């Protein structure tokens, strides 16, 4: 069974947030230290899994960013910001 790359991202994030909470609550040093070491190992695993994931998309850099999607054919009609000054 293949585990999606985002599962590794979620596990690593939760683990490192746990380290932050544990250090703020004055947990014993050995707990915080070993959790940090495990978190660093998970960061390396996460980066490897994300970079080797077989993710494909139809979008290109011509589509700009996800927060402001633009069709490639509409790029010529975008107003230039320097004309506003």
C-alpha atoms as a PDB file:
ATOM      1  CA  UNK A   1       0.000   0.000   0.000  1.00  0.00           C
ATOM      2  CA  UNK A   2       1.390   3.368  -1.033  1.00  0.00           C
ATOM      3  CA  UNK A   3       1.198   6.110   1.567  1.00  0.00           C
ATOM      4  CA  UNK A   4       0.599   9.597   0.094  1.00  0.00           C
ATOM      5  CA  UNK A   5       3.356  12.160   0.615  1.00  0.00           C
ATOM      6  CA  UNK A   6       1.007  14.468   2.506  1.00  0.00           C
ATOM      7  CA  UNK A   7       0.692  11.860   5.273  1.00  0.00           C
ATOM      8  CA  UNK A   8       4.430  12.230   5.898  1.00  0.00           C
ATOM      9  CA  UNK A   9       4.037  16.007   5.945  1.00  0.00           C
ATOM     10  CA  UNK A  10       1.199  15.777   8.491  1.00  0.00           C
ATOM     11  CA  UNK A  11       3.044  13.331  10.750  1.00  0.00           C
ATOM     12  CA  UNK A  12       6.223  15.426  10.692  1.00  0.00           C
ATOM     13  CA  UNK A  13       4.295  18.610  11.416  1.00  0.00           C
ATOM     14  CA  UNK A  14       2.458  17.060  14.361  1.00  0.00           C
ATOM     15  CA  UNK A  15       5.680  15.609  15.726  1.00  0.00           C
ATOM     16  CA  UNK A  16       7.543  18.911  15.593  1.00  0.00           C
ATOM     17  CA  UNK A  17       4.605  20.846  17.061  1.00  0.00           C
ATOM     18  CA  UNK A  18       4.636  18.282  19.871  1.00  0.00           C
ATOM     19  CA  UNK A  19       8.316  19.090  20.478  1.00  0.00           C
ATOM     20  CA  UNK A  20       7.433  22.771  20.789  1.00  0.00           C
ATOM     21  CA  UNK A  21       4.632  22.066  23.251  1.00  0.00           C
ATOM     22  CA  UNK A  22       6.804  19.680  25.261  1.00  0.00           C
ATOM     23  CA  UNK A  23       9.612  22.229  25.570  1.00  0.00           C
ATOM     24  CA  UNK A  24       7.165  24.976  26.587  1.00  0.00           C
ATOM     25  CA  UNK A  25       5.695  22.727  29.287  1.00  0.00           C
ATOM     26  CA  UNK A  26       9.149  21.925  30.738  1.00  0.00           C
ATOM     27  CA  UNK A  27       9.113  18.228  29.955  1.00  0.00           C
ATOM     28  CA  UNK A  28      12.269  16.355  30.955  1.00  0.00           C
ATOM     29  CA  UNK A  29      15.217  17.022  28.662  1.00  0.00           C
ATOM     30  CA  UNK A  30      15.544  13.432  27.469  1.00  0.00           C
ATOM     31  CA  UNK A  31      11.919  13.380  26.216  1.00  0.00           C
ATOM     32  CA  UNK A  32      12.353  16.626  24.310  1.00  0.00           C
ATOM     33  CA  UNK A  33      15.770  15.601  22.960  1.00  0.00           C
ATOM     34  CA  UNK A  34      14.690  12.202  21.641  1.00  0.00           C
ATOM     35  CA  UNK A  35      11.480  13.611  20.184  1.00  0.00           C
ATOM     36  CA  UNK A  36      13.563  16.266  18.408  1.00  0.00           C
ATOM     37  CA  UNK A  37      15.919  13.630  16.994  1.00  0.00           C
ATOM     38  CA  UNK A  38      12.968  11.551  15.788  1.00  0.00           C
ATOM     39  CA  UNK A  39      11.465  14.720  14.279  1.00  0.00           C
ATOM     40  CA  UNK A  40      14.670  15.442  12.375  1.00  0.00           C
ATOM     41  CA  UNK A  41      14.674  11.912  10.970  1.00  0.00           C
ATOM     42  CA  UNK A  42      11.063  12.388   9.909  1.00  0.00           C
ATOM     43  CA  UNK A  43      11.967  15.682   8.187  1.00  0.00           C
ATOM     44  CA  UNK A  44      14.574  13.889   6.068  1.00  0.00           C
ATOM     45  CA  UNK A  45      12.113  11.087   5.238  1.00  0.00           C
ATOM     46  CA  UNK A  46       9.383  13.619   4.443  1.00  0.00           C
ATOM     47  CA  UNK A  47      11.607  15.611   2.078  1.00  0.00           C
ATOM     48  CA  UNK A  48      12.660  12.432   0.272  1.00  0.00           C
ATOM     49  CA  UNK A  49       9.062  11.212  -0.073  1.00  0.00           C
ATOM     50  CA  UNK A  50       7.774  14.585  -1.291  1.00  0.00           C
ATOM     51  CA  UNK A  51      10.554  14.996  -3.855  1.00  0.00           C
ATOM     52  CA  UNK A  52      10.217  11.443  -5.204  1.00  0.00           C
ATOM     53  CA  UNK A  53       6.413  11.436  -5.256  1.00  0.00           C
ATOM     54  CA  UNK A  54       4.963  10.682  -8.688  1.00  0.00           C
ATOM     55  CA  UNK A  55       2.756  13.784  -8.773  1.00  0.00           C
ATOM     56  CA  UNK A  56       1.720  15.089 -12.157  1.00  0.00           C
ATOM     57  CA  UNK A  57      -0.315  18.115 -13.113  1.00  0.00           C
ATOM     58  CA  UNK A  58      -1.550  19.749 -16.277  1.00  0.00           C
ATOM     59  CA  UNK A  59      -0.656  23.234 -15.025  1.00  0.00           C
ATOM     60  CA  UNK A  60       2.437  25.160 -16.043  1.00  0.00           C
ATOM     61  CA  UNK A  61       4.089  28.340 -14.804  1.00  0.00           C
ATOM     62  CA  UNK A  62       1.889  30.222 -17.253  1.00  0.00           C
ATOM     63  CA  UNK A  63      -1.053  29.523 -14.917  1.00  0.00           C
ATOM     64  CA  UNK A  64       0.551  31.737 -12.237  1.00  0.00           C
ATOM     65  CA  UNK A  65      -0.340  30.866  -8.641  1.00  0.00           C
ATOM     66  CA  UNK A  66      -3.217  28.954  -7.035  1.00  0.00           C
ATOM     67  CA  UNK A  67      -4.450  31.965  -5.050  1.00  0.00           C
ATOM     68  CA  UNK A  68      -5.051  33.888  -8.277  1.00  0.00           C
ATOM     69  CA  UNK A  69      -5.589  31.424 -11.110  1.00  0.00           C
ATOM     70  CA  UNK A  70      -5.112  32.857 -14.562  1.00  0.00           C
ATOM     71  CA  UNK A  71      -5.681  31.141 -17.857  1.00  0.00           C
ATOM     72  CA  UNK A  72      -2.617  31.384 -20.117  1.00  0.00           C
ATOM     73  CA  UNK A  73      -4.683  33.059 -22.841  1.00  0.00           C
ATOM     74  CA  UNK A  74      -5.710  35.854 -20.411  1.00  0.00           C
ATOM     75  CA  UNK A  75      -2.139  36.912 -19.577  1.00  0.00           C
ATOM     76  CA  UNK A  76      -2.122  39.649 -22.194  1.00  0.00           C
ATOM     77  CA  UNK A  77      -5.095  41.417 -20.589  1.00  0.00           C
ATOM     78  CA  UNK A  78      -3.581  41.808 -17.095  1.00  0.00           C
ATOM     79  CA  UNK A  79      -3.123  45.453 -16.055  1.00  0.00           C
ATOM     80  CA  UNK A  80       0.406  46.438 -15.212  1.00  0.00           C
ATOM     81  CA  UNK A  81       0.876  47.784 -11.698  1.00  0.00           C
ATOM     82  CA  UNK A  82       3.535  50.319 -12.640  1.00  0.00           C
ATOM     83  CA  UNK A  83       0.948  52.233 -14.714  1.00  0.00           C
ATOM     84  CA  UNK A  84      -1.021  52.995 -11.530  1.00  0.00           C
ATOM     85  CA  UNK A  85       1.664  55.280 -10.043  1.00  0.00           C
END
